[in-house]
C-alpha atoms as a PDB file:
ATOM      1  CA  MET A   1     114.368 243.928 147.750  1.00  0.00           C
ATOM      2  CA  ASP A   2     111.593 244.057 144.824  1.00  0.00           C
ATOM      3  CA  ALA A   3     112.022 247.600 145.162  1.00  0.00           C
ATOM      4  CA  ILE A   4     115.622 247.159 143.786  1.00  0.00           C
ATOM      5  CA  TYR A   5     115.823 244.799 141.536  1.00  0.00           C
ATOM      6  CA  LYS A   6     117.437 245.163 137.824  1.00  0.00           C
ATOM      7  CA  THR A   7     117.692 243.270 135.629  1.00  0.00           C
ATOM      8  CA  LEU A   8     121.345 242.897 133.720  1.00  0.00           C
ATOM      9  CA  THR A   9     122.001 243.194 129.679  1.00  0.00           C
ATOM     10  CA  ILE A  10     124.914 241.857 127.781  1.00  0.00           C
ATOM     11  CA  ASP A  11     125.990 244.485 124.829  1.00  0.00           C
ATOM     12  CA  PRO A  12     124.203 243.026 122.094  1.00  0.00           C
ATOM     13  CA  THR A  13     127.232 242.423 120.087  1.00  0.00           C
ATOM     14  CA  LEU A  14     129.306 240.624 122.427  1.00  0.00           C
ATOM     15  CA  THR A  15     129.036 237.014 123.007  1.00  0.00           C
ATOM     16  CA  PHE A  16     130.725 236.333 126.053  1.00  0.00           C
ATOM     17  CA  SER A  17     132.799 238.574 129.054  1.00  0.00           C
ATOM     18  CA  THR A  18     134.257 238.789 132.007  1.00  0.00           C
ATOM     19  CA  ARG A  19     135.643 240.714 134.870  1.00  0.00           C
ATOM     20  CA  ILE A  20     136.523 241.345 138.484  1.00  0.00           C
ATOM     21  CA  THR A  21     133.725 242.443 141.222  1.00  0.00           C
ATOM     22  CA  ASP A  22     134.235 243.316 144.432  1.00  0.00           C
ATOM     23  CA  PHE A  23     131.770 246.208 144.778  1.00  0.00           C
ATOM     24  CA  ASP A  24     128.119 246.776 143.978  1.00  0.00           C
ATOM     25  CA  ASP A  25     125.942 243.737 143.567  1.00  0.00           C
ATOM     26  CA  GLU A  26     123.602 243.696 146.336  1.00  0.00           C
ATOM     27  CA  ALA A  27     120.541 244.519 144.464  1.00  0.00           C
ATOM     28  CA  VAL A  28     118.402 241.899 143.549  1.00  0.00           C
ATOM     29  CA  HIS A  29     119.036 240.935 139.617  1.00  0.00           C
ATOM     30  CA  ASN A  30     118.313 238.722 137.005  1.00  0.00           C
ATOM     31  CA  HIS A  31     120.128 238.637 133.678  1.00  0.00           C
ATOM     32  CA  ASP A  32     119.773 238.350 129.966  1.00  0.00           C
ATOM     33  CA  PHE A  33     122.327 236.112 129.866  1.00  0.00           C
ATOM     34  CA  TYR A  34     123.952 233.402 131.606  1.00  0.00           C
ATOM     35  CA  GLU A  35     126.236 234.003 133.896  1.00  0.00           C
ATOM     36  CA  ILE A  36     128.860 231.736 135.822  1.00  0.00           C
ATOM     37  CA  PHE A  37     131.582 233.273 138.868  1.00  0.00           C
ATOM     38  CA  TYR A  38     133.184 231.700 140.851  1.00  0.00           C
ATOM     39  CA  ILE A  39     134.810 232.996 144.356  1.00  0.00           C
ATOM     40  CA  LEU A  40     138.396 234.662 143.844  1.00  0.00           C
ATOM     41  CA  GLU A  41     139.409 235.583 147.239  1.00  0.00           C
ATOM     42  CA  GLY A  42     137.394 236.207 150.454  1.00  0.00           C
ATOM     43  CA  GLU A  43     133.689 235.775 151.622  1.00  0.00           C
ATOM     44  CA  ILE A  44     130.241 236.574 150.706  1.00  0.00           C
ATOM     45  CA  THR A  45     126.825 235.847 151.302  1.00  0.00           C
ATOM     46  CA  HIS A  46     124.861 234.492 148.053  1.00  0.00           C
ATOM     47  CA  SER A  47     121.567 234.770 148.210  1.00  0.00           C
ATOM     48  CA  TYR A  48     118.725 233.725 145.577  1.00  0.00           C
ATOM     49  CA  ASP A  49     114.497 231.524 146.129  1.00  0.00           C
ATOM     50  CA  GLY A  50     115.463 232.492 150.121  1.00  0.00           C
ATOM     51  CA  ILE A  51     118.434 230.686 149.774  1.00  0.00           C
ATOM     52  CA  LYS A  52     121.001 231.902 151.356  1.00  0.00           C
ATOM     53  CA  GLU A  53     124.808 230.647 151.319  1.00  0.00           C
ATOM     54  CA  LYS A  54     128.312 231.548 152.737  1.00  0.00           C
ATOM     55  CA  LEU A  55     130.929 231.047 149.965  1.00  0.00           C
ATOM     56  CA  THR A  56     134.781 231.558 149.984  1.00  0.00           C
ATOM     57  CA  THR A  57     137.223 231.072 147.076  1.00  0.00           C
ATOM     58  CA  GLY A  58     136.643 228.373 144.809  1.00  0.00           C
ATOM     59  CA  ASP A  59     133.082 228.327 145.138  1.00  0.00           C
ATOM     60  CA  ALA A  60     131.312 228.453 142.173  1.00  0.00           C
ATOM     61  CA  TYR A  61     127.594 228.795 140.232  1.00  0.00           C
ATOM     62  CA  LEU A  62     126.320 228.590 137.273  1.00  0.00           C
ATOM     63  CA  ILE A  63     123.010 231.357 136.575  1.00  0.00           C
ATOM     64  CA  THR A  64     120.620 230.723 134.547  1.00  0.00           C
ATOM     65  CA  PRO A  65     118.860 234.213 133.192  1.00  0.00           C
ATOM     66  CA  ILE A  66     115.336 233.528 134.583  1.00  0.00           C
ATOM     67  CA  VAL A  67     117.110 233.384 138.510  1.00  0.00           C
ATOM     68  CA  LYS A  68     116.864 236.085 140.561  1.00  0.00           C
ATOM     69  CA  HIS A  69     120.173 236.555 142.901  1.00  0.00           C
ATOM     70  CA  SER A  70     121.786 239.045 144.878  1.00  0.00           C
ATOM     71  CA  PHE A  71     125.264 238.834 146.963  1.00  0.00           C
ATOM     72  CA  ILE A  72     125.700 240.266 150.673  1.00  0.00           C
ATOM     73  CA  ARG A  73     129.073 241.664 151.529  1.00  0.00           C
ATOM     74  CA  THR A  74     130.127 241.469 155.673  1.00  0.00           C
ATOM     75  CA  LYS A  75     133.487 241.290 154.039  1.00  0.00           C
ATOM     76  CA  THR A  76     136.145 241.799 151.682  1.00  0.00           C
ATOM     77  CA  CYS A  77     135.483 239.386 148.498  1.00  0.00           C
ATOM     78  CA  SER A  78     135.858 239.453 144.896  1.00  0.00           C
ATOM     79  CA  HIS A  79     134.506 237.015 142.344  1.00  0.00           C
ATOM     80  CA  ARG A  80     135.029 236.953 138.725  1.00  0.00           C
ATOM     81  CA  ASP A  81     131.746 237.472 136.297  1.00  0.00           C
ATOM     82  CA  PHE A  82     131.595 235.284 133.121  1.00  0.00           C
ATOM     83  CA  MET A  83     129.189 236.504 131.369  1.00  0.00           C
ATOM     84  CA  ILE A  84     127.810 233.854 128.302  1.00  0.00           C
ATOM     85  CA  SER A  85     125.283 234.896 125.493  1.00  0.00           C
ATOM     86  CA  ASP A  86     122.522 232.601 124.940  1.00  0.00           C
ATOM     87  CA  SER A  87     123.995 231.202 121.484  1.00  0.00           C
ATOM     88  CA  LEU A  88     127.339 230.912 122.670  1.00  0.00           C
ATOM     89  CA  PHE A  89     125.692 228.987 125.898  1.00  0.00           C
ATOM     90  CA  ASN A  90     123.751 226.717 122.988  1.00  0.00           C
ATOM     91  CA  PHE A  91     127.080 226.193 121.218  1.00  0.00           C
ATOM     92  CA  VAL A  92     129.195 224.992 123.858  1.00  0.00           C
ATOM     93  CA  CYS A  93     126.541 223.301 125.865  1.00  0.00           C
ATOM     94  CA  ASN A  94     125.218 220.583 122.590  1.00  0.00           C
ATOM     95  CA  PHE A  95     129.129 220.310 122.102  1.00  0.00           C
ATOM     96  CA  ILE A  96     129.482 218.667 125.619  1.00  0.00           C
ATOM     97  CA  ASP A  97     126.236 216.523 125.608  1.00  0.00           C
ATOM     98  CA  THR A  98     123.030 217.519 123.377  1.00  0.00           C
ATOM     99  CA  SER A  99     120.960 216.914 126.745  1.00  0.00           C
ATOM    100  CA  PHE A 100     123.789 219.498 128.758  1.00  0.00           C
ATOM    101  CA  PHE A 101     121.394 222.455 127.899  1.00  0.00           C
ATOM    102  CA  ALA A 102     118.223 221.240 128.984  1.00  0.00           C
ATOM    103  CA  GLN A 103     119.550 219.978 132.466  1.00  0.00           C
ATOM    104  CA  ILE A 104     120.805 223.085 133.011  1.00  0.00           C
ATOM    105  CA  SER A 105     117.161 224.866 131.883  1.00  0.00           C
ATOM    106  CA  ASP A 106     115.715 222.308 134.701  1.00  0.00           C
ATOM    107  CA  LYS A 107     117.732 222.928 137.511  1.00  0.00           C
ATOM    108  CA  LYS A 108     117.964 226.897 136.938  1.00  0.00           C
ATOM    109  CA  ILE A 109     121.034 227.297 138.746  1.00  0.00           C
ATOM    110  CA  LEU A 110     123.921 225.240 139.575  1.00  0.00           C
ATOM    111  CA  ARG A 111     126.466 225.390 142.057  1.00  0.00           C
ATOM    112  CA  PHE A 112     130.330 223.658 141.654  1.00  0.00           C
ATOM    113  CA  LYS A 113     133.542 224.159 142.993  1.00  0.00           C
ATOM    114  CA  LEU A 114     137.178 224.844 141.671  1.00  0.00           C
ATOM    115  CA  GLU A 115     140.752 224.072 143.021  1.00  0.00           C
ATOM    116  CA  THR A 116     143.322 227.085 143.714  1.00  0.00           C
ATOM    117  CA  THR A 117     144.909 225.004 140.458  1.00  0.00           C
ATOM    118  CA  ASP A 118     141.462 225.334 138.381  1.00  0.00           C
ATOM    119  CA  ILE A 119     141.583 229.363 139.319  1.00  0.00           C
ATOM    120  CA  MET A 120     145.211 230.029 138.506  1.00  0.00           C
ATOM    121  CA  PHE A 121     144.569 227.884 134.830  1.00  0.00           C
ATOM    122  CA  PHE A 122     141.399 230.290 134.703  1.00  0.00           C
ATOM    123  CA  GLU A 123     142.810 233.631 135.151  1.00  0.00           C
ATOM    124  CA  LYS A 124     145.860 232.886 133.400  1.00  0.00           C
ATOM    125  CA  THR A 125     143.931 232.053 130.021  1.00  0.00           C
ATOM    126  CA  ILE A 126     141.895 235.018 130.454  1.00  0.00           C
ATOM    127  CA  ALA A 127     144.265 237.387 130.652  1.00  0.00           C
ATOM    128  CA  ASN A 128     145.948 236.395 127.184  1.00  0.00           C
ATOM    129  CA  PHE A 129     142.524 236.554 125.793  1.00  0.00           C
ATOM    130  CA  LEU A 130     142.400 239.812 126.939  1.00  0.00           C
ATOM    131  CA  GLU A 131     145.693 240.403 125.313  1.00  0.00           C
ATOM    132  CA  ASN A 132     144.961 238.420 122.375  1.00  0.00           C
ATOM    133  CA  SER A 133     143.566 241.462 119.368  1.00  0.00           C
ATOM    134  CA  ASP A 134     143.038 238.456 117.003  1.00  0.00           C
ATOM    135  CA  THR A 135     139.326 238.664 116.098  1.00  0.00           C
ATOM    136  CA  HIS A 136     139.019 234.977 115.332  1.00  0.00           C
ATOM    137  CA  LYS A 137     141.678 233.759 118.218  1.00  0.00           C
ATOM    138  CA  LYS A 138     139.329 236.095 120.401  1.00  0.00           C
ATOM    139  CA  LYS A 139     136.327 233.767 119.402  1.00  0.00           C
ATOM    140  CA  ASN A 140     137.622 230.738 119.795  1.00  0.00           C
ATOM    141  CA  PHE A 141     138.872 231.389 123.315  1.00  0.00           C
ATOM    142  CA  GLU A 142     135.272 232.266 124.135  1.00  0.00           C
ATOM    143  CA  LYS A 143     134.424 228.819 123.255  1.00  0.00           C
ATOM    144  CA  VAL A 144     137.434 227.293 124.964  1.00  0.00           C
ATOM    145  CA  LEU A 145     136.779 229.391 127.948  1.00  0.00           C
ATOM    146  CA  THR A 146     133.080 228.301 128.405  1.00  0.00           C
ATOM    147  CA  ALA A 147     133.475 225.496 127.043  1.00  0.00           C
ATOM    148  CA  SER A 148     136.155 224.860 130.104  1.00  0.00           C
ATOM    149  CA  LEU A 149     133.761 225.969 132.766  1.00  0.00           C
ATOM    150  CA  LEU A 150     131.329 224.232 131.883  1.00  0.00           C
ATOM    151  CA  SER A 151     133.228 221.282 132.420  1.00  0.00           C
ATOM    152  CA  PHE A 152     133.331 221.648 135.866  1.00  0.00           C
ATOM    153  CA  ALA A 153     129.264 222.444 136.081  1.00  0.00           C
ATOM    154  CA  TYR A 154     128.688 219.236 133.766  1.00  0.00           C
ATOM    155  CA  ILE A 155     130.732 216.920 136.116  1.00  0.00           C
ATOM    156  CA  SER A 156     128.609 218.390 139.261  1.00  0.00           C
ATOM    157  CA  LEU A 157     125.498 217.770 137.433  1.00  0.00           C
ATOM    158  CA  GLY A 158     127.314 214.535 136.007  1.00  0.00           C
ATOM    159  CA  GLY A 159     127.736 213.525 139.470  1.00  0.00           C
ATOM    160  CA  GLU A 160     124.332 213.884 140.751  1.00  0.00           C
ATOM    161  CA  LYS A 161     122.486 211.656 137.951  1.00  0.00           C
ATOM    162  CA  HIS A 162     124.820 209.402 137.183  1.00  0.00           C
ATOM    163  CA  SER A 163     127.461 208.806 140.805  1.00  0.00           C
ATOM    164  CA  GLY A 164     126.106 204.989 141.498  1.00  0.00           C
ATOM    165  CA  ILE A 165     127.006 204.410 138.328  1.00  0.00           C
ATOM    166  CA  PHE A 166     129.941 205.518 138.301  1.00  0.00           C
ATOM    167  CA  LYS A 167     131.140 205.024 141.751  1.00  0.00           C
ATOM    168  CA  ASN A 168     130.454 201.326 140.882  1.00  0.00           C
ATOM    169  CA  HIS A 169     132.202 201.446 137.692  1.00  0.00           C
ATOM    170  CA  CYS A 170     135.456 202.613 139.514  1.00  0.00           C
ATOM    171  CA  LEU A 171     134.682 200.371 143.014  1.00  0.00           C
ATOM    172  CA  GLN A 172     134.863 197.061 140.298  1.00  0.00           C
ATOM    173  CA  ILE A 173     138.175 198.094 138.304  1.00  0.00           C
ATOM    174  CA  LEU A 174     139.544 199.378 142.000  1.00  0.00           C
ATOM    175  CA  GLY A 175     139.312 195.773 143.007  1.00  0.00           C
ATOM    176  CA  VAL A 176     141.096 194.378 140.433  1.00  0.00           C
ATOM    177  CA  ARG A 177     143.998 197.278 139.711  1.00  0.00           C
ATOM    178  CA  PHE A 178     144.850 198.619 143.000  1.00  0.00           C
ATOM    179  CA  LEU A 179     148.048 196.264 143.859  1.00  0.00           C
ATOM    180  CA  SER A 180     149.516 196.853 140.404  1.00  0.00           C
ATOM    181  CA  PHE A 181     152.628 199.392 139.995  1.00  0.00           C
ATOM    182  CA  ASN A 182     150.761 201.417 137.814  1.00  0.00           C
ATOM    183  CA  ALA A 183     147.431 201.280 139.429  1.00  0.00           C
ATOM    184  CA  ILE A 184     146.447 204.954 138.542  1.00  0.00           C
ATOM    185  CA  GLU A 185     147.062 205.070 135.252  1.00  0.00           C
ATOM    186  CA  GLU A 186     145.401 201.222 133.962  1.00  0.00           C
ATOM    187  CA  ILE A 187     142.375 202.301 136.236  1.00  0.00           C
ATOM    188  CA  ARG A 188     142.571 205.118 133.464  1.00  0.00           C
ATOM    189  CA  LYS A 189     142.579 203.081 130.603  1.00  0.00           C
ATOM    190  CA  ASP A 190     139.965 200.765 132.185  1.00  0.00           C
ATOM    191  CA  LEU A 191     137.460 203.270 132.561  1.00  0.00           C
ATOM    192  CA  GLY A 192     138.754 205.462 129.324  1.00  0.00           C
ATOM    193  CA  TYR A 193     139.090 208.433 130.761  1.00  0.00           C
ATOM    194  CA  ASN A 194     141.511 211.384 130.513  1.00  0.00           C
ATOM    195  CA  LYS A 195     143.533 212.009 133.258  1.00  0.00           C
ATOM    196  CA  PHE A 196     142.010 215.306 134.020  1.00  0.00           C
ATOM    197  CA  TYR A 197     138.826 214.507 133.719  1.00  0.00           C
ATOM    198  CA  LEU A 198     138.992 211.354 135.878  1.00  0.00           C
ATOM    199  CA  CYS A 199     140.250 213.125 138.654  1.00  0.00           C
ATOM    200  CA  LYS A 200     137.766 215.743 138.911  1.00  0.00           C
ATOM    201  CA  LYS A 201     134.963 213.097 138.357  1.00  0.00           C
ATOM    202  CA  PHE A 202     137.278 210.661 140.413  1.00  0.00           C
ATOM    203  CA  LYS A 203     137.305 213.679 143.797  1.00  0.00           C
ATOM    204  CA  ASN A 204     133.673 215.090 143.151  1.00  0.00           C
ATOM    205  CA  THR A 205     131.937 211.202 143.299  1.00  0.00           C
ATOM    206  CA  PHE A 206     134.037 209.968 146.143  1.00  0.00           C
ATOM    207  CA  GLY A 207     135.464 213.024 147.821  1.00  0.00           C
ATOM    208  CA  VAL A 208     139.344 212.284 147.519  1.00  0.00           C
ATOM    209  CA  THR A 209     141.737 211.925 145.012  1.00  0.00           C
ATOM    210  CA  LEU A 210     142.103 209.224 143.144  1.00  0.00           C
ATOM    211  CA  THR A 211     145.870 208.695 144.822  1.00  0.00           C
ATOM    212  CA  ASP A 212     144.582 209.062 147.927  1.00  0.00           C
ATOM    213  CA  TYR A 213     141.851 206.326 147.351  1.00  0.00           C
ATOM    214  CA  VAL A 214     143.871 203.642 145.844  1.00  0.00           C
ATOM    215  CA  ASN A 215     146.930 204.131 148.640  1.00  0.00           C
ATOM    216  CA  ASN A 216     144.165 203.734 151.067  1.00  0.00           C
ATOM    217  CA  MET A 217     143.586 200.684 149.334  1.00  0.00           C
ATOM    218  CA  LYS A 218     147.265 199.529 149.646  1.00  0.00           C
ATOM    219  CA  ILE A 219     148.092 200.189 153.159  1.00  0.00           C
ATOM    220  CA  ASN A 220     144.806 198.479 154.279  1.00  0.00           C
ATOM    221  CA  HIS A 221     146.325 195.529 152.443  1.00  0.00           C
ATOM    222  CA  ALA A 222     149.285 195.848 154.145  1.00  0.00           C
ATOM    223  CA  LYS A 223     148.241 195.939 156.918  1.00  0.00           C
ATOM    224  CA  TYR A 224     145.740 192.225 156.501  1.00  0.00           C
ATOM    225  CA  LEU A 225     149.296 191.101 154.950  1.00  0.00           C
ATOM    226  CA  LEU A 226     151.263 192.220 157.948  1.00  0.00           C
ATOM    227  CA  GLN A 227     149.187 190.200 159.941  1.00  0.00           C
ATOM    228  CA  THR A 228     148.622 187.288 158.339  1.00  0.00           C
ATOM    229  CA  SER A 229     152.057 186.868 157.152  1.00  0.00           C
ATOM    230  CA  ASN A 230     155.989 186.466 157.217  1.00  0.00           C
ATOM    231  CA  TYR A 231     156.155 188.740 154.289  1.00  0.00           C
ATOM    232  CA  LYS A 232     159.431 190.733 154.525  1.00  0.00           C
ATOM    233  CA  ILE A 233     158.431 194.713 154.601  1.00  0.00           C
ATOM    234  CA  SER A 234     160.242 194.438 150.861  1.00  0.00           C
ATOM    235  CA  GLU A 235     157.677 191.222 149.521  1.00  0.00           C
ATOM    236  CA  ILE A 236     154.642 193.878 151.216  1.00  0.00           C
ATOM    237  CA  CYS A 237     155.652 196.295 148.990  1.00  0.00           C
ATOM    238  CA  GLU A 238     155.865 193.872 145.426  1.00  0.00           C
ATOM    239  CA  GLN A 239     152.880 193.207 146.928  1.00  0.00           C
ATOM    240  CA  ILE A 240     151.062 196.369 147.153  1.00  0.00           C
ATOM    241  CA  GLY A 241     152.104 198.089 144.133  1.00  0.00           C
ATOM    242  CA  ILE A 242     155.073 200.346 146.060  1.00  0.00           C
ATOM    243  CA  GLU A 243     158.237 200.650 144.932  1.00  0.00           C
ATOM    244  CA  SER A 244     159.665 202.838 147.969  1.00  0.00           C
ATOM    245  CA  GLN A 245     160.192 201.040 151.189  1.00  0.00           C
ATOM    246  CA  THR A 246     160.142 204.770 152.711  1.00  0.00           C
ATOM    247  CA  TYR A 247     156.963 206.211 151.203  1.00  0.00           C
ATOM    248  CA  PHE A 248     155.061 202.614 152.341  1.00  0.00           C
ATOM    249  CA  ARG A 249     156.138 203.600 155.737  1.00  0.00           C
ATOM    250  CA  LYS A 250     155.481 206.911 155.257  1.00  0.00           C
ATOM    251  CA  LEU A 251     151.870 206.089 154.298  1.00  0.00           C
ATOM    252  CA  PHE A 252     151.601 203.731 157.060  1.00  0.00           C
ATOM    253  CA  THR A 253     152.941 205.686 159.490  1.00  0.00           C
ATOM    254  CA  ARG A 254     149.981 208.595 158.512  1.00  0.00           C
ATOM    255  CA  LYS A 255     147.104 206.216 158.703  1.00  0.00           C
ATOM    256  CA  TYR A 256     147.816 203.728 161.603  1.00  0.00           C
ATOM    257  CA  GLY A 257     150.127 206.309 163.939  1.00  0.00           C
ATOM    258  CA  VAL A 258     153.032 203.406 163.662  1.00  0.00           C
ATOM    259  CA  THR A 259     155.165 202.142 161.234  1.00  0.00           C
ATOM    260  CA  PRO A 260     154.854 199.274 159.606  1.00  0.00           C
ATOM    261  CA  ALA A 261     157.609 196.995 161.582  1.00  0.00           C
ATOM    262  CA  LYS A 262     156.084 198.199 165.237  1.00  0.00           C
ATOM    263  CA  TYR A 263     152.732 197.550 164.026  1.00  0.00           C
ATOM    264  CA  ARG A 264     153.824 193.889 163.456  1.00  0.00           C
ATOM    265  CA  LYS A 265     155.115 193.782 166.855  1.00  0.00           C
ATOM    266  CA  LYS A 266     152.396 195.110 168.643  1.00  0.00           C
ATOM    267  CA  ILE A 267     149.894 192.272 166.868  1.00  0.00           C
END
């Protein structure tokens, strides 16, 4: 493999560039820039340091210049590549967190995940970036795009380091707020995050969306009330902070396989 090893370089006049790659990426290589890529469609095997991982749509990696890696193509696949200069990468890392660059340098390689909506957002933003001829605006686009991409990596890295603290904080607030009609917004305010960041960080930590987690807590409490009280269904909805009885029945039936009324009869 070392016989075909090569170093890829970025144009020294550029701080940021992007392309879609769908072939000619099987040689072992490293870069003189920071690379971020995500799989647009298809399946590919990513290889580095003797590790081989199958990647599919939404799988993403941040690769530092020191890392040698390659791709193994057995199926059709295309991935979006971002080439980011050392100066721009440092600038954005320090903007996000002054310790972020050191953490990335220590990790050397970092895997994270993008949802379909995230990919659509980036592809649309990239189209605007490529079509823009204003040099000043393009420089700002470079910073925004890099910061947006690194935010996913940062959440992933933060999940490894701080998930315990974040998780415990969430659980404390969830225990107090989950019965509210406006539980999601109240939880967001208590945690002090904007909605987009909170939803991403919560799903990365708990493996489910915040909405699904809160609804599950509500339905669990509804089950308890059905077992231990004579509340009407409408009163239970009020107790657990769900306005629509139809929506409550849908959530309850999805989890327990029967309607709330039939569940009460069974017990």
